[in-house]
Each structure stands twice: as C-alpha cells, then as structure tokens.
Amino acid sequence: MRCVIFDLDGTLADTSGDLVAAANACFEGMGIDSRLDAATDAAIALRGGRPMLTEGLARAGRIEAETVEAWYPRLLQFYGEALDVHTRMYPGAVETIEGLRSAGYAVGVCTNKPFGLAQTLLTSLGVRDLFGSLIGADTLPVRKPDPAPFWAAVDGAGGGRGTALLVGDTDTDRKTATAAGVPCVLVGFVEGTGAMHALKPEAVIERYEELPPEVTRLIG
C-alpha cells in the first residue's frame, strides 16, 4: 500500500500548551523564576523536553546539562499527568487522515515522544484507531533522524517501502526522510512556511486540505 507516516507534536497536534506547563512545573520545583510561554515558545516546546529545560535554565543564567538530565524524568512525569488539557489536533487533520485511508493509503505515526505518552495522547484525543502503526522514541534502540523508526512505522502500517513519505514539522523530520530516501512534506503550523521551505522538503503545506494533492503528486 502507498503509505503516509506522520510526526505527532507540531504536525498532527498542537501539544505545546501541555508541554510548556510541564516544563514550568519543573522550573517551579527548581526554585527559579524562569517560565516558558505557550504562545511565544511553542517552537521550543515542540522540539521536546530537554530543549525546554535547557532554554529555561539559560534564561535563568544557568547552563547545566546535568540539571537537564536530572529533571527530564520529572518533566515526563508532570507531562504524563496532564497531557491532554490544552492539546488539540490541528484543523483538518482528522478529516484528511480519514480521506487518505478511504483512498487506500496506509497511515502511521513516527514520533520522538516516548511510546507510552504518544499512545495515551492519541487515545485521549480519540484518534489512535486511525493509525495502523505507532513508533515512539523508545520503541527501537534508535530514534529519528535515524530512518529505522520511520521504516518500522511503514512496515507496521502495512505500507510499501517504495511508495512512502513522511509528514513532519522540523529539520529532524527532514533529515529522517533524507536518510530513508523518501519524500518529505513539512507543515508550517508553528514556525511558518518560510522556515520550512528553507529545509528544502519536497512540499510545504499551510493547511491540511493541501496535503492530499501533494501526497498524490509525490507517491501516487
């Protein structure tokens, strides 16, 4: 089957509000005044827990890699306790995925979010059953941009390796697609389409309604 694999954070769903809340809980626990803002720091949040902790510490004048590592498990704990308070699927995402499935495409998710958190979130959002596969950061010994998780998502969804592509929102996704030798579609929901075009993907979209014709153009 032709196959479309999606990143999760910043691609399928805007998870920045709940991620920022978890990071801010950590900063409060550290006793520092730094706080991230979901409106202005969404791009940092969607890069993951360690970048958020690093940014908050830097704003407090502390560059401490050991503190980031020490608090990262706490961040995951805070996040896991409230990961669906503010998170929403992006407009048109569900309808587009349903349309791809109806048109005969296999669909799956490949994320650098830990599998358990991704599974819980997609289930809470009511969309887990839309995807034939879910590969998280800890599913394999490696994570994106290594291509192995992408191929595991393709295989798990029942897709064909010769007709697959990756939809994402960061340079990590672009590098993953390049390593796998497949087309990449990037979304400009957070950092804007200009930043995405600079990564030279095969396509950039501003709205999910633009995805189906690009999929058809790139993999048939």
Protein backbone atom coordinates (compact mmCIF):
# COMPACT_ATOMS: atom_id res chain seq x y z
CA MET A 1 0.00 0.00 0.00
CA ARG A 2 1.03 3.59 -0.52
CA CYS A 3 1.87 4.95 2.89
CA VAL A 4 1.88 8.29 4.72
CA ILE A 5 3.70 8.47 8.07
CA PHE A 6 3.08 11.44 10.36
CA ASP A 7 5.11 13.04 13.10
CA LEU A 8 2.97 13.86 16.16
CA ASP A 9 3.94 17.02 18.08
CA GLY A 10 3.58 20.10 15.90
CA THR A 11 2.38 18.04 12.95
CA LEU A 12 -0.79 16.19 13.95
CA ALA A 13 -1.48 18.00 17.21
CA ASP A 14 -0.55 21.24 18.93
CA THR A 15 0.88 19.86 22.17
CA SER A 16 2.81 22.99 23.12
CA GLY A 17 0.48 24.17 25.90
CA ASP A 18 0.74 20.97 27.92
CA LEU A 19 4.46 20.60 27.26
CA VAL A 20 5.14 24.15 28.45
CA ALA A 21 3.04 23.56 31.57
CA ALA A 22 5.18 20.52 32.41
CA ALA A 23 8.41 22.47 31.91
CA ASN A 24 7.16 25.33 34.05
CA ALA A 25 6.30 22.89 36.82
CA CYS A 26 9.93 21.79 36.71
CA PHE A 27 11.21 25.35 36.92
CA GLU A 28 8.96 25.96 39.91
CA GLY A 29 10.37 22.84 41.53
CA MET A 30 13.90 24.06 40.85
CA GLY A 31 13.08 27.31 42.62
CA ILE A 32 13.92 29.52 39.64
CA ASP A 33 11.79 32.27 38.14
CA SER A 34 12.13 31.19 34.50
CA ARG A 35 8.89 30.36 32.73
CA LEU A 36 8.11 29.46 29.14
CA ASP A 37 5.07 30.88 27.37
CA ALA A 38 2.93 28.59 25.22
CA ALA A 39 2.17 31.41 22.78
CA THR A 40 5.73 32.56 22.13
CA ASP A 41 7.74 29.43 22.96
CA ALA A 42 5.71 26.85 21.05
CA ALA A 43 8.57 26.09 18.67
CA ILE A 44 10.89 25.32 21.59
CA ALA A 45 8.26 23.16 23.27
CA LEU A 46 7.67 21.09 20.16
CA ARG A 47 11.37 20.22 19.97
CA GLY A 48 10.98 18.24 23.19
CA GLY A 49 11.55 18.21 26.92
CA ARG A 50 15.30 18.70 27.03
CA PRO A 51 15.27 21.82 24.80
CA MET A 52 12.58 23.33 27.04
CA LEU A 53 14.58 22.66 30.20
CA THR A 54 17.75 23.96 28.56
CA GLU A 55 16.03 27.17 27.47
CA GLY A 56 14.52 27.84 30.88
CA LEU A 57 17.83 27.30 32.64
CA ALA A 58 19.62 29.51 30.13
CA ARG A 59 17.15 32.31 30.81
CA ALA A 60 17.97 31.95 34.48
CA GLY A 61 21.67 32.22 33.68
CA ARG A 62 22.33 28.54 34.30
CA ILE A 63 23.81 26.24 31.67
CA GLU A 64 23.69 22.92 33.44
CA ALA A 65 23.44 19.77 31.35
CA GLU A 66 23.34 17.63 34.47
CA THR A 67 20.31 19.55 35.75
CA VAL A 68 18.52 18.99 32.44
CA GLU A 69 19.13 15.25 32.67
CA ALA A 70 18.14 15.12 36.33
CA TRP A 71 14.84 16.90 35.73
CA TYR A 72 13.91 15.27 32.43
CA PRO A 73 12.20 12.27 34.09
CA ARG A 74 10.27 14.68 36.31
CA LEU A 75 9.17 16.63 33.25
CA LEU A 76 7.86 13.43 31.67
CA GLN A 77 6.02 12.68 34.91
CA PHE A 78 4.41 16.11 35.04
CA TYR A 79 3.51 15.90 31.37
CA GLY A 80 2.07 12.42 31.67
CA GLU A 81 -0.23 13.58 34.45
CA ALA A 82 -1.79 16.30 32.28
CA LEU A 83 -1.01 15.76 28.60
CA ASP A 84 -4.44 16.48 27.13
CA VAL A 85 -5.55 19.65 28.91
CA HIS A 86 -4.68 22.10 26.13
CA THR A 87 -3.67 19.76 23.29
CA ARG A 88 -5.80 19.69 20.16
CA MET A 89 -5.49 18.10 16.73
CA TYR A 90 -4.76 20.68 14.05
CA PRO A 91 -7.77 21.77 11.98
CA GLY A 92 -8.48 19.39 9.14
CA ALA A 93 -6.06 16.71 10.34
CA VAL A 94 -8.65 14.08 11.23
CA GLU A 95 -10.68 14.62 8.06
CA THR A 96 -7.55 14.45 5.91
CA ILE A 97 -6.36 11.22 7.50
CA GLU A 98 -9.80 9.66 7.12
CA GLY A 99 -9.75 10.69 3.46
CA LEU A 100 -6.32 9.13 2.91
CA ARG A 101 -7.47 5.88 4.48
CA SER A 102 -10.60 5.85 2.33
CA ALA A 103 -8.43 6.39 -0.75
CA GLY A 104 -6.40 3.29 0.08
CA TYR A 105 -3.36 4.75 1.83
CA ALA A 106 -1.80 3.18 4.90
CA VAL A 107 -1.16 5.74 7.64
CA GLY A 108 1.00 5.62 10.74
CA VAL A 109 2.81 7.75 13.31
CA CYS A 110 6.56 8.05 13.95
CA THR A 111 7.38 10.36 16.85
CA ASN A 112 10.25 11.16 19.19
CA LYS A 113 7.76 11.28 22.06
CA PRO A 114 8.01 8.20 24.31
CA PHE A 115 5.66 5.48 23.07
CA GLY A 116 3.53 5.32 26.21
CA LEU A 117 2.85 9.05 26.22
CA ALA A 118 2.09 9.06 22.48
CA GLN A 119 -0.27 6.11 22.86
CA THR A 120 -2.08 7.75 25.78
CA LEU A 121 -2.38 11.08 24.00
CA LEU A 122 -3.69 9.72 20.71
CA THR A 123 -6.17 7.55 22.58
CA SER A 124 -7.34 10.52 24.66
CA LEU A 125 -7.79 12.58 21.51
CA GLY A 126 -9.89 9.76 20.06
CA VAL A 127 -7.69 9.18 17.02
CA ARG A 128 -5.48 6.21 17.89
CA ASP A 129 -7.56 3.85 15.76
CA LEU A 130 -6.93 5.98 12.67
CA PHE A 131 -3.31 4.85 12.53
CA GLY A 132 -2.06 1.42 11.58
CA SER A 133 1.21 1.91 13.45
CA LEU A 134 2.77 3.98 16.21
CA ILE A 135 6.53 4.14 16.74
CA GLY A 136 7.83 6.19 19.67
CA ALA A 137 11.23 7.41 20.79
CA ASP A 138 11.79 4.29 22.89
CA THR A 139 10.24 1.66 20.59
CA LEU A 140 13.61 0.92 18.99
CA PRO A 141 17.18 1.46 20.21
CA VAL A 142 17.38 4.46 17.84
CA ARG A 143 15.09 7.40 17.15
CA LYS A 144 14.60 9.94 14.36
CA PRO A 145 16.56 11.14 12.37
CA ASP A 146 17.72 7.54 12.11
CA PRO A 147 15.47 6.07 9.40
CA ALA A 148 14.80 2.81 11.27
CA PRO A 149 11.79 4.14 13.24
CA PHE A 150 10.28 5.52 10.04
CA TRP A 151 10.60 2.16 8.30
CA ALA A 152 9.15 0.41 11.34
CA ALA A 153 6.14 2.72 11.11
CA VAL A 154 5.76 1.99 7.39
CA ASP A 155 6.02 -1.75 7.92
CA GLY A 156 3.67 -1.71 10.90
CA ALA A 157 1.03 0.17 8.95
CA GLY A 158 1.22 -2.29 6.08
CA GLY A 159 2.78 0.23 3.73
CA GLY A 160 5.13 -0.33 0.84
CA ARG A 161 8.65 0.95 1.22
CA GLY A 162 8.75 2.08 -2.39
CA THR A 163 5.71 4.35 -2.04
CA ALA A 164 6.01 6.04 1.36
CA LEU A 165 6.51 9.58 2.59
CA LEU A 166 6.92 11.43 5.88
CA VAL A 167 4.88 14.42 7.06
CA GLY A 168 6.61 16.46 9.76
CA ASP A 169 7.48 19.91 11.05
CA THR A 170 11.20 20.04 11.87
CA ASP A 171 14.67 19.53 10.49
CA THR A 172 14.65 16.19 12.32
CA ASP A 173 11.81 15.02 10.10
CA ARG A 174 13.55 16.39 7.02
CA LYS A 175 16.74 14.53 7.93
CA THR A 176 14.79 11.35 8.61
CA ALA A 177 13.18 11.44 5.18
CA THR A 178 16.52 12.14 3.54
CA ALA A 179 18.13 9.22 5.37
CA ALA A 180 15.27 6.96 4.26
CA GLY A 181 15.35 8.26 0.69
CA VAL A 182 11.65 9.20 0.72
CA PRO A 183 9.76 12.44 0.04
CA CYS A 184 9.08 14.82 2.91
CA VAL A 185 6.13 17.16 3.41
CA LEU A 186 6.61 19.79 6.12
CA VAL A 187 3.83 21.76 7.81
CA GLY A 188 4.20 25.42 8.68
CA PHE A 189 1.74 25.48 11.58
CA VAL A 190 4.26 26.66 14.19
CA GLU A 191 7.42 28.10 12.63
CA GLY A 192 5.84 29.31 9.39
CA THR A 193 6.21 28.11 5.84
CA GLY A 194 9.31 30.21 5.19
CA ALA A 195 11.30 28.32 7.78
CA MET A 196 10.05 25.04 6.36
CA HIS A 197 10.91 25.94 2.76
CA ALA A 198 14.46 26.66 3.93
CA LEU A 199 14.81 22.97 4.79
CA LYS A 200 14.13 22.11 1.13
CA PRO A 201 11.46 19.44 1.54
CA GLU A 202 9.52 18.11 -1.44
CA ALA A 203 6.46 20.09 -0.30
CA VAL A 204 5.31 22.56 2.36
CA ILE A 205 1.68 22.99 3.40
CA GLU A 206 -0.15 25.66 5.39
CA ARG A 207 -3.39 23.71 5.87
CA TYR A 208 -4.23 20.03 5.96
CA GLU A 209 -6.53 20.44 3.00
CA GLU A 210 -3.38 20.93 0.91
CA LEU A 211 -1.90 17.54 1.84
CA PRO A 212 -3.86 15.05 -0.33
CA PRO A 213 -2.85 16.55 -3.69
CA GLU A 214 0.79 16.69 -2.57
CA VAL A 215 0.64 13.04 -1.50
CA THR A 216 -0.79 12.11 -4.87
CA ARG A 217 1.91 14.10 -6.66
CA LEU A 218 4.74 12.56 -4.65
CA ILE A 219 3.78 8.89 -4.28
CA GLY A 220 0.73 8.42 -6.47
